[in-house]
Amino acid sequence: MSKDSLPTQVNPIRFAENASILRGTLQLKNMPLLCSSLLTDEGEVQVELTFDVDRQRIRYIQGHVETEVDLQCQRCLESFKYGIISDFMSGLVNSEEAAKALPERYDPLIVSDNQLIIKDMIEEELILSLPIVPMHDPKDCKKSLPLNVADDDTATSFTKESPFKVIESLKQKKE
């Protein structure tokens, strides 16, 4: 396989039986679901996929992806670079029942018609690697939260007064 390109689709069962390895890059701009969460669609993803069969005769894909994407900080609304390095291990199955029978070390990957679209699999892996709420590191962000409990030791000294304290004081006056 060429260093710069990956095939569009492969027969993962055959690749696993042949213990194949694919290395190459994919363009972010060709991943519309991922790009909807990004500020720009510029960049590429470095991909390495190892297809194989384990001792239990389970066909699997061991993958490694690396990229850097532009996200928008939800605190200050500025852009920032977010690096993604993800390793995954997917067991190849053809049904939901077979997916339930996979050992825990494998994420199930249901393959229909013995065809796997590489770009779609990598795009899903990258989406799962994005932060739920993208934000700069607090020390790099232009905005700060009003009270950051993790960074401020004095925050623990504030206690919220009970709304029932008034009732308690009235009860004590009656006695």
N, C-alpha and C. Protein backbone atom coordinates (compact mmCIF):
# COMPACT_ATOMS: atom_id res chain seq x y z
N MET A 1 0.84 -1.18 0.00
CA MET A 1 0.00 0.00 0.00
C MET A 1 0.88 1.24 0.00
N SER A 2 0.44 2.23 -0.69
CA SER A 2 1.16 3.50 -0.73
C SER A 2 1.09 4.17 0.64
N LYS A 3 2.14 4.87 1.00
CA LYS A 3 2.20 5.58 2.28
C LYS A 3 1.15 6.67 2.37
N ASP A 4 0.80 7.26 1.22
CA ASP A 4 -0.09 8.42 1.24
C ASP A 4 -1.56 8.09 1.11
N SER A 5 -1.91 6.93 0.62
CA SER A 5 -3.33 6.67 0.41
C SER A 5 -3.73 5.33 1.01
N LEU A 6 -4.96 5.29 1.43
CA LEU A 6 -5.57 4.06 1.94
C LEU A 6 -6.66 3.66 0.97
N PRO A 7 -6.95 2.39 0.84
CA PRO A 7 -8.07 2.00 -0.03
C PRO A 7 -9.39 2.52 0.53
N THR A 8 -10.34 2.73 -0.33
CA THR A 8 -11.65 3.21 0.09
C THR A 8 -12.35 2.15 0.94
N GLN A 9 -12.34 0.92 0.44
CA GLN A 9 -12.95 -0.17 1.20
C GLN A 9 -12.13 -1.44 1.03
N VAL A 10 -12.27 -2.31 2.02
CA VAL A 10 -11.52 -3.56 2.01
C VAL A 10 -12.43 -4.70 2.44
N ASN A 11 -11.99 -5.91 2.18
CA ASN A 11 -12.65 -7.09 2.71
C ASN A 11 -11.90 -7.42 4.01
N PRO A 12 -12.43 -7.02 5.17
CA PRO A 12 -11.68 -7.18 6.42
C PRO A 12 -11.45 -8.63 6.81
N ILE A 13 -12.33 -9.53 6.38
CA ILE A 13 -12.16 -10.95 6.70
C ILE A 13 -10.93 -11.48 5.97
N ARG A 14 -10.83 -11.17 4.70
CA ARG A 14 -9.66 -11.60 3.92
C ARG A 14 -8.38 -10.95 4.43
N PHE A 15 -8.46 -9.66 4.75
CA PHE A 15 -7.28 -8.97 5.27
C PHE A 15 -6.82 -9.58 6.59
N ALA A 16 -7.78 -9.97 7.46
CA ALA A 16 -7.44 -10.59 8.74
C ALA A 16 -6.80 -11.96 8.51
N GLU A 17 -7.35 -12.73 7.61
CA GLU A 17 -6.80 -14.06 7.31
C GLU A 17 -5.37 -13.95 6.77
N ASN A 18 -5.06 -12.85 6.05
CA ASN A 18 -3.73 -12.65 5.48
C ASN A 18 -2.81 -11.82 6.39
N ALA A 19 -3.30 -11.47 7.58
CA ALA A 19 -2.52 -10.66 8.54
C ALA A 19 -1.96 -9.40 7.86
N SER A 20 -2.83 -8.64 7.24
CA SER A 20 -2.43 -7.44 6.49
C SER A 20 -2.28 -6.23 7.39
N ILE A 21 -1.42 -5.31 6.95
CA ILE A 21 -1.22 -4.04 7.64
C ILE A 21 -1.40 -2.92 6.62
N LEU A 22 -2.21 -1.92 6.98
CA LEU A 22 -2.41 -0.75 6.13
C LEU A 22 -1.90 0.48 6.86
N ARG A 23 -1.14 1.31 6.16
CA ARG A 23 -0.67 2.58 6.72
C ARG A 23 -0.92 3.66 5.67
N GLY A 24 -1.34 4.82 6.15
CA GLY A 24 -1.55 5.92 5.23
C GLY A 24 -2.24 7.08 5.90
N THR A 25 -2.75 7.98 5.09
CA THR A 25 -3.41 9.17 5.61
C THR A 25 -4.79 9.32 4.98
N LEU A 26 -5.65 9.99 5.70
CA LEU A 26 -6.98 10.37 5.22
C LEU A 26 -7.14 11.86 5.46
N GLN A 27 -7.83 12.53 4.57
CA GLN A 27 -8.08 13.96 4.68
C GLN A 27 -9.30 14.20 5.57
N LEU A 28 -9.19 15.16 6.49
CA LEU A 28 -10.32 15.50 7.35
C LEU A 28 -11.50 16.01 6.55
N LYS A 29 -11.25 16.72 5.46
CA LYS A 29 -12.33 17.31 4.66
C LYS A 29 -13.25 16.26 4.06
N ASN A 30 -12.82 15.00 4.01
CA ASN A 30 -13.65 13.91 3.48
C ASN A 30 -14.47 13.22 4.56
N MET A 31 -14.52 13.82 5.76
CA MET A 31 -15.26 13.25 6.89
C MET A 31 -16.31 14.26 7.37
N PRO A 32 -17.45 14.34 6.69
CA PRO A 32 -18.44 15.39 6.99
C PRO A 32 -19.02 15.33 8.40
N LEU A 33 -19.23 14.16 8.96
CA LEU A 33 -19.77 14.08 10.33
C LEU A 33 -18.79 14.65 11.34
N LEU A 34 -17.52 14.33 11.18
CA LEU A 34 -16.49 14.87 12.07
C LEU A 34 -16.36 16.37 11.88
N CYS A 35 -16.34 16.82 10.63
CA CYS A 35 -16.13 18.24 10.33
C CYS A 35 -17.24 19.12 10.89
N SER A 36 -18.43 18.56 11.10
CA SER A 36 -19.52 19.37 11.67
C SER A 36 -19.21 19.79 13.10
N SER A 37 -18.26 19.12 13.77
CA SER A 37 -17.86 19.47 15.13
C SER A 37 -16.58 20.28 15.18
N LEU A 38 -15.97 20.53 14.02
CA LEU A 38 -14.69 21.23 13.95
C LEU A 38 -14.86 22.65 13.43
N LEU A 39 -13.87 23.50 13.68
CA LEU A 39 -13.88 24.85 13.11
C LEU A 39 -13.45 24.85 11.65
N THR A 40 -12.46 24.02 11.33
CA THR A 40 -11.99 23.91 9.94
C THR A 40 -11.88 22.45 9.55
N ASP A 41 -11.90 22.21 8.26
CA ASP A 41 -11.77 20.83 7.77
C ASP A 41 -10.37 20.56 7.23
N GLU A 42 -9.43 21.41 7.61
CA GLU A 42 -8.06 21.25 7.14
C GLU A 42 -7.31 20.23 7.98
N GLY A 43 -6.44 19.48 7.34
CA GLY A 43 -5.60 18.53 8.05
C GLY A 43 -5.80 17.12 7.55
N GLU A 44 -5.02 16.25 8.12
CA GLU A 44 -5.10 14.84 7.74
C GLU A 44 -4.92 13.96 8.97
N VAL A 45 -5.30 12.72 8.80
CA VAL A 45 -5.24 11.73 9.87
C VAL A 45 -4.22 10.67 9.46
N GLN A 46 -3.27 10.41 10.35
CA GLN A 46 -2.32 9.32 10.14
C GLN A 46 -2.99 8.05 10.66
N VAL A 47 -3.01 7.01 9.83
CA VAL A 47 -3.73 5.79 10.17
C VAL A 47 -2.81 4.58 10.02
N GLU A 48 -2.90 3.68 11.00
CA GLU A 48 -2.26 2.37 10.88
C GLU A 48 -3.26 1.32 11.34
N LEU A 49 -3.55 0.37 10.47
CA LEU A 49 -4.50 -0.69 10.78
C LEU A 49 -3.82 -2.05 10.60
N THR A 50 -3.92 -2.88 11.63
CA THR A 50 -3.38 -4.23 11.57
C THR A 50 -4.56 -5.20 11.64
N PHE A 51 -4.72 -5.99 10.62
CA PHE A 51 -5.78 -7.00 10.56
C PHE A 51 -5.15 -8.34 10.93
N ASP A 52 -5.84 -9.12 11.78
CA ASP A 52 -5.26 -10.41 12.17
C ASP A 52 -6.34 -11.30 12.76
N VAL A 53 -5.93 -12.52 13.14
CA VAL A 53 -6.81 -13.50 13.78
C VAL A 53 -6.13 -13.92 15.08
N ASP A 54 -6.89 -13.91 16.20
CA ASP A 54 -6.28 -14.27 17.48
C ASP A 54 -6.35 -15.79 17.71
N ARG A 55 -5.92 -16.23 18.87
CA ARG A 55 -5.86 -17.66 19.19
C ARG A 55 -7.24 -18.31 19.26
N GLN A 56 -8.26 -17.48 19.53
CA GLN A 56 -9.63 -18.00 19.59
C GLN A 56 -10.30 -17.96 18.21
N ARG A 57 -9.53 -17.68 17.20
CA ARG A 57 -10.00 -17.56 15.81
C ARG A 57 -10.95 -16.38 15.61
N ILE A 58 -10.79 -15.35 16.42
CA ILE A 58 -11.58 -14.12 16.27
C ILE A 58 -10.79 -13.18 15.36
N ARG A 59 -11.42 -12.75 14.30
CA ARG A 59 -10.79 -11.79 13.40
C ARG A 59 -10.93 -10.40 14.01
N TYR A 60 -9.86 -9.63 13.94
CA TYR A 60 -9.89 -8.31 14.57
C TYR A 60 -9.06 -7.30 13.78
N ILE A 61 -9.29 -6.03 14.12
CA ILE A 61 -8.50 -4.93 13.60
C ILE A 61 -7.93 -4.18 14.79
N GLN A 62 -6.62 -4.02 14.79
CA GLN A 62 -5.98 -3.18 15.80
C GLN A 62 -5.60 -1.89 15.08
N GLY A 63 -6.09 -0.76 15.59
CA GLY A 63 -5.88 0.50 14.90
C GLY A 63 -5.20 1.55 15.74
N HIS A 64 -4.53 2.45 15.05
CA HIS A 64 -3.88 3.60 15.68
C HIS A 64 -4.11 4.79 14.76
N VAL A 65 -4.68 5.87 15.31
CA VAL A 65 -4.91 7.09 14.52
C VAL A 65 -4.34 8.29 15.27
N GLU A 66 -3.81 9.24 14.50
CA GLU A 66 -3.27 10.48 15.06
C GLU A 66 -3.65 11.63 14.16
N THR A 67 -4.08 12.72 14.78
CA THR A 67 -4.37 13.93 14.04
C THR A 67 -4.44 15.11 15.01
N GLU A 68 -4.53 16.29 14.45
CA GLU A 68 -4.74 17.50 15.24
C GLU A 68 -5.87 18.27 14.57
N VAL A 69 -6.89 18.62 15.35
CA VAL A 69 -8.07 19.29 14.81
C VAL A 69 -8.24 20.66 15.47
N ASP A 70 -8.98 21.53 14.81
CA ASP A 70 -9.30 22.86 15.34
C ASP A 70 -10.69 22.82 15.95
N LEU A 71 -10.76 23.12 17.25
CA LEU A 71 -12.03 23.17 17.96
C LEU A 71 -12.28 24.58 18.47
N GLN A 72 -13.52 24.85 18.87
CA GLN A 72 -13.86 26.14 19.45
C GLN A 72 -14.07 25.95 20.94
N CYS A 73 -13.31 26.70 21.73
CA CYS A 73 -13.43 26.66 23.18
C CYS A 73 -14.82 27.16 23.57
N GLN A 74 -15.52 26.41 24.38
CA GLN A 74 -16.87 26.80 24.79
C GLN A 74 -16.88 27.79 25.94
N ARG A 75 -15.71 28.14 26.47
CA ARG A 75 -15.61 29.15 27.51
C ARG A 75 -15.36 30.52 26.89
N CYS A 76 -14.35 30.62 26.01
CA CYS A 76 -13.96 31.92 25.45
C CYS A 76 -14.31 32.07 23.98
N LEU A 77 -14.78 31.00 23.34
CA LEU A 77 -15.18 30.98 21.93
C LEU A 77 -14.02 31.20 20.96
N GLU A 78 -12.80 31.05 21.43
CA GLU A 78 -11.62 31.12 20.56
C GLU A 78 -11.29 29.72 20.06
N SER A 79 -10.55 29.66 18.95
CA SER A 79 -10.15 28.36 18.43
C SER A 79 -8.93 27.84 19.18
N PHE A 80 -8.79 26.52 19.20
CA PHE A 80 -7.59 25.91 19.77
C PHE A 80 -7.35 24.57 19.09
N LYS A 81 -6.10 24.16 19.10
CA LYS A 81 -5.70 22.88 18.51
C LYS A 81 -5.91 21.77 19.53
N TYR A 82 -6.47 20.69 19.08
CA TYR A 82 -6.72 19.54 19.95
C TYR A 82 -6.11 18.31 19.28
N GLY A 83 -5.15 17.71 19.94
CA GLY A 83 -4.50 16.52 19.40
C GLY A 83 -5.26 15.26 19.76
N ILE A 84 -5.43 14.40 18.78
CA ILE A 84 -6.08 13.11 19.02
C ILE A 84 -5.09 12.00 18.70
N ILE A 85 -4.85 11.16 19.67
CA ILE A 85 -4.09 9.93 19.47
C ILE A 85 -4.96 8.83 20.05
N SER A 86 -5.39 7.92 19.21
CA SER A 86 -6.33 6.90 19.66
C SER A 86 -5.89 5.52 19.18
N ASP A 87 -5.94 4.57 20.09
CA ASP A 87 -5.69 3.17 19.76
C ASP A 87 -6.98 2.40 20.02
N PHE A 88 -7.30 1.49 19.13
CA PHE A 88 -8.53 0.72 19.31
C PHE A 88 -8.32 -0.71 18.84
N MET A 89 -9.20 -1.59 19.31
CA MET A 89 -9.16 -3.00 18.96
C MET A 89 -10.60 -3.42 18.69
N SER A 90 -10.90 -3.74 17.45
CA SER A 90 -12.26 -4.09 17.06
C SER A 90 -12.34 -5.53 16.59
N GLY A 91 -13.28 -6.27 17.15
CA GLY A 91 -13.54 -7.64 16.71
C GLY A 91 -14.52 -7.61 15.55
N LEU A 92 -14.21 -8.34 14.50
CA LEU A 92 -15.06 -8.37 13.31
C LEU A 92 -16.15 -9.41 13.46
N VAL A 93 -17.39 -8.97 13.39
CA VAL A 93 -18.54 -9.87 13.51
C VAL A 93 -19.55 -9.54 12.42
N ASN A 94 -20.52 -10.45 12.22
CA ASN A 94 -21.52 -10.21 11.19
C ASN A 94 -22.93 -10.06 11.74
N SER A 95 -23.09 -10.09 13.09
CA SER A 95 -24.43 -9.93 13.67
C SER A 95 -24.34 -9.39 15.10
N GLU A 96 -25.48 -8.93 15.60
CA GLU A 96 -25.57 -8.44 16.98
C GLU A 96 -25.28 -9.57 17.98
N GLU A 97 -25.75 -10.78 17.69
CA GLU A 97 -25.53 -11.91 18.58
C GLU A 97 -24.04 -12.23 18.69
N ALA A 98 -23.35 -12.20 17.56
CA ALA A 98 -21.91 -12.46 17.56
C ALA A 98 -21.17 -11.35 18.31
N ALA A 99 -21.67 -10.12 18.22
CA ALA A 99 -21.05 -8.99 18.91
C ALA A 99 -21.14 -9.18 20.42
N LYS A 100 -22.24 -9.70 20.91
CA LYS A 100 -22.41 -9.93 22.35
C LYS A 100 -21.48 -11.03 22.87
N ALA A 101 -21.08 -11.92 21.99
CA ALA A 101 -20.22 -13.04 22.39
C ALA A 101 -18.73 -12.69 22.36
N LEU A 102 -18.38 -11.51 21.87
CA LEU A 102 -16.97 -11.11 21.81
C LEU A 102 -16.38 -10.91 23.20
N PRO A 103 -15.11 -11.24 23.39
CA PRO A 103 -14.45 -10.91 24.66
C PRO A 103 -14.42 -9.39 24.87
N GLU A 104 -14.31 -8.97 26.12
CA GLU A 104 -14.37 -7.54 26.45
C GLU A 104 -13.26 -6.71 25.82
N ARG A 105 -12.15 -7.33 25.49
CA ARG A 105 -11.03 -6.56 24.93
C ARG A 105 -11.34 -6.00 23.54
N TYR A 106 -12.40 -6.51 22.91
CA TYR A 106 -12.76 -6.06 21.56
C TYR A 106 -14.01 -5.19 21.59
N ASP A 107 -13.96 -4.11 20.82
CA ASP A 107 -15.17 -3.36 20.50
C ASP A 107 -15.76 -4.04 19.27
N PRO A 108 -17.05 -4.34 19.27
CA PRO A 108 -17.61 -5.02 18.11
C PRO A 108 -17.67 -4.11 16.88
N LEU A 109 -17.33 -4.66 15.75
CA LEU A 109 -17.44 -3.97 14.47
C LEU A 109 -18.22 -4.91 13.54
N ILE A 110 -19.48 -4.56 13.31
CA ILE A 110 -20.34 -5.40 12.48
C ILE A 110 -20.03 -5.09 11.02
N VAL A 111 -19.66 -6.13 10.30
CA VAL A 111 -19.27 -6.01 8.90
C VAL A 111 -20.35 -6.68 8.05
N SER A 112 -20.94 -5.90 7.16
CA SER A 112 -21.95 -6.47 6.27
C SER A 112 -21.36 -6.64 4.87
N ASP A 113 -21.72 -7.69 4.22
CA ASP A 113 -21.28 -7.99 2.85
C ASP A 113 -19.76 -8.08 2.75
N ASN A 114 -19.09 -8.41 3.85
CA ASN A 114 -17.62 -8.53 3.87
C ASN A 114 -16.92 -7.30 3.32
N GLN A 115 -17.51 -6.13 3.49
CA GLN A 115 -16.90 -4.89 3.04
C GLN A 115 -16.84 -3.90 4.21
N LEU A 116 -15.71 -3.23 4.31
CA LEU A 116 -15.51 -2.23 5.35
C LEU A 116 -15.02 -0.96 4.69
N ILE A 117 -15.72 0.14 4.91
CA ILE A 117 -15.30 1.44 4.38
C ILE A 117 -14.38 2.06 5.42
N ILE A 118 -13.11 2.13 5.08
CA ILE A 118 -12.06 2.57 6.01
C ILE A 118 -12.36 3.97 6.56
N LYS A 119 -12.69 4.90 5.69
CA LYS A 119 -12.92 6.29 6.10
C LYS A 119 -14.02 6.38 7.16
N ASP A 120 -15.09 5.63 6.99
CA ASP A 120 -16.21 5.68 7.94
C ASP A 120 -15.79 5.15 9.32
N MET A 121 -15.02 4.07 9.33
CA MET A 121 -14.56 3.51 10.60
C MET A 121 -13.65 4.51 11.33
N ILE A 122 -12.73 5.14 10.61
CA ILE A 122 -11.81 6.09 11.21
C ILE A 122 -12.56 7.34 11.67
N GLU A 123 -13.51 7.80 10.88
CA GLU A 123 -14.30 8.98 11.25
C GLU A 123 -15.05 8.73 12.56
N GLU A 124 -15.65 7.56 12.72
CA GLU A 124 -16.36 7.24 13.96
C GLU A 124 -15.40 7.21 15.15
N GLU A 125 -14.22 6.67 14.95
CA GLU A 125 -13.23 6.62 16.02
C GLU A 125 -12.80 8.02 16.45
N LEU A 126 -12.63 8.92 15.48
CA LEU A 126 -12.24 10.30 15.79
C LEU A 126 -13.36 11.05 16.51
N ILE A 127 -14.59 10.83 16.10
CA ILE A 127 -15.73 11.48 16.76
C ILE A 127 -15.79 11.03 18.23
N LEU A 128 -15.56 9.76 18.48
CA LEU A 128 -15.58 9.26 19.86
C LEU A 128 -14.44 9.84 20.69
N SER A 129 -13.38 10.28 20.03
CA SER A 129 -12.22 10.83 20.73
C SER A 129 -12.33 12.33 21.02
N LEU A 130 -13.34 12.98 20.47
CA LEU A 130 -13.51 14.42 20.72
C LEU A 130 -14.01 14.65 22.15
N PRO A 131 -13.63 15.77 22.74
CA PRO A 131 -14.15 16.07 24.09
C PRO A 131 -15.64 16.40 24.03
N ILE A 132 -16.36 16.08 25.09
CA ILE A 132 -17.79 16.37 25.13
C ILE A 132 -18.01 17.88 25.09
N VAL A 133 -17.24 18.62 25.89
CA VAL A 133 -17.30 20.08 25.89
C VAL A 133 -15.88 20.58 25.60
N PRO A 134 -15.63 21.01 24.37
CA PRO A 134 -14.27 21.46 24.05
C PRO A 134 -13.91 22.77 24.75
N MET A 135 -12.79 22.74 25.48
CA MET A 135 -12.31 23.94 26.17
C MET A 135 -10.79 23.92 26.22
N HIS A 136 -10.22 25.13 26.20
CA HIS A 136 -8.78 25.27 26.44
C HIS A 136 -8.45 24.71 27.82
N ASP A 137 -7.20 24.49 28.05
CA ASP A 137 -6.72 24.24 29.40
C ASP A 137 -7.03 25.53 30.17
N PRO A 138 -7.54 25.48 31.41
CA PRO A 138 -7.91 26.70 32.13
C PRO A 138 -6.82 27.76 32.18
N LYS A 139 -5.56 27.37 32.26
CA LYS A 139 -4.49 28.37 32.32
C LYS A 139 -4.24 29.03 30.97
N ASP A 140 -4.70 28.41 29.86
CA ASP A 140 -4.50 28.98 28.53
C ASP A 140 -5.72 29.75 28.03
N CYS A 141 -6.83 29.64 28.72
CA CYS A 141 -8.08 30.26 28.27
C CYS A 141 -8.14 31.73 28.65
N LYS A 142 -8.72 32.55 27.79
CA LYS A 142 -8.83 33.99 28.04
C LYS A 142 -9.92 34.30 29.06
N LYS A 143 -10.85 33.41 29.23
CA LYS A 143 -11.93 33.59 30.21
C LYS A 143 -11.71 32.60 31.35
N SER A 144 -12.16 32.99 32.52
CA SER A 144 -12.08 32.06 33.64
C SER A 144 -13.47 31.91 34.23
N LEU A 145 -13.69 30.78 34.81
CA LEU A 145 -14.97 30.54 35.46
C LEU A 145 -15.01 31.33 36.76
N PRO A 146 -16.17 31.75 37.22
CA PRO A 146 -16.25 32.53 38.45
C PRO A 146 -15.65 31.84 39.65
N LEU A 147 -15.83 30.55 39.76
CA LEU A 147 -15.29 29.83 40.90
C LEU A 147 -14.84 28.46 40.42
N ASN A 148 -13.56 28.24 40.44
CA ASN A 148 -13.01 26.96 40.03
C ASN A 148 -12.59 26.21 41.27
N VAL A 149 -13.41 25.28 41.72
CA VAL A 149 -13.20 24.58 42.97
C VAL A 149 -11.88 23.83 42.97
N ALA A 150 -11.48 23.30 41.84
CA ALA A 150 -10.25 22.51 41.79
C ALA A 150 -9.01 23.37 42.03
N ASP A 151 -9.05 24.65 41.64
CA ASP A 151 -7.89 25.51 41.76
C ASP A 151 -7.91 26.42 42.98
N ASP A 152 -9.04 26.55 43.64
CA ASP A 152 -9.17 27.53 44.72
C ASP A 152 -9.44 26.81 46.04
N ASP A 153 -8.48 26.84 46.95
CA ASP A 153 -8.64 26.17 48.24
C ASP A 153 -9.68 26.87 49.11
N THR A 154 -9.89 28.16 48.89
CA THR A 154 -10.86 28.88 49.71
C THR A 154 -12.29 28.50 49.34
N ALA A 155 -12.48 27.88 48.21
CA ALA A 155 -13.83 27.51 47.80
C ALA A 155 -14.45 26.51 48.75
N THR A 156 -13.64 25.70 49.39
CA THR A 156 -14.17 24.70 50.31
C THR A 156 -14.67 25.33 51.60
N SER A 157 -14.26 26.57 51.90
CA SER A 157 -14.71 27.21 53.13
C SER A 157 -16.11 27.80 53.00
N PHE A 158 -16.60 27.96 51.77
CA PHE A 158 -17.95 28.46 51.58
C PHE A 158 -18.94 27.32 51.79
N THR A 159 -19.93 27.56 52.65
CA THR A 159 -20.97 26.55 52.84
C THR A 159 -22.30 27.21 52.59
N LYS A 160 -23.17 26.48 51.96
CA LYS A 160 -24.48 27.01 51.65
C LYS A 160 -25.37 26.89 52.90
N GLU A 161 -26.03 27.97 53.21
CA GLU A 161 -26.88 27.98 54.39
C GLU A 161 -28.16 27.20 54.10
N SER A 162 -28.60 26.42 55.06
CA SER A 162 -29.78 25.60 54.89
C SER A 162 -31.03 26.47 54.83
N PRO A 163 -31.93 26.20 53.90
CA PRO A 163 -33.18 26.97 53.83
C PRO A 163 -34.10 26.68 55.03
N PHE A 164 -33.83 25.62 55.77
CA PHE A 164 -34.65 25.26 56.91
C PHE A 164 -34.11 25.80 58.22
N LYS A 165 -33.07 26.61 58.16
CA LYS A 165 -32.46 27.16 59.38
C LYS A 165 -33.46 28.07 60.12
N VAL A 166 -34.28 28.79 59.38
CA VAL A 166 -35.27 29.66 60.00
C VAL A 166 -36.28 28.84 60.79
N ILE A 167 -36.72 27.76 60.22
CA ILE A 167 -37.69 26.89 60.90
C ILE A 167 -37.06 26.32 62.17
N GLU A 168 -35.80 25.97 62.07
CA GLU A 168 -35.10 25.40 63.24
C GLU A 168 -35.02 26.44 64.37
N SER A 169 -34.78 27.71 64.00
CA SER A 169 -34.69 28.74 65.03
C SER A 169 -36.04 29.02 65.68
N LEU A 170 -37.15 28.93 64.89
CA LEU A 170 -38.48 29.12 65.44
C LEU A 170 -38.84 27.95 66.38
N LYS A 171 -38.43 26.79 66.02
CA LYS A 171 -38.69 25.62 66.82
C LYS A 171 -37.98 25.73 68.17
N GLN A 172 -36.76 26.26 68.17
CA GLN A 172 -35.98 26.40 69.41
C GLN A 172 -36.61 27.46 70.31
N LYS A 173 -37.21 28.52 69.74
CA LYS A 173 -37.84 29.58 70.55
C LYS A 173 -39.06 29.04 71.27
N LYS A 174 -39.81 28.11 70.68
CA LYS A 174 -41.00 27.55 71.32
C LYS A 174 -40.60 26.75 72.56
N GLU A 175 -39.47 26.10 72.53
CA GLU A 175 -39.07 25.25 73.64
C GLU A 175 -38.55 26.08 74.71
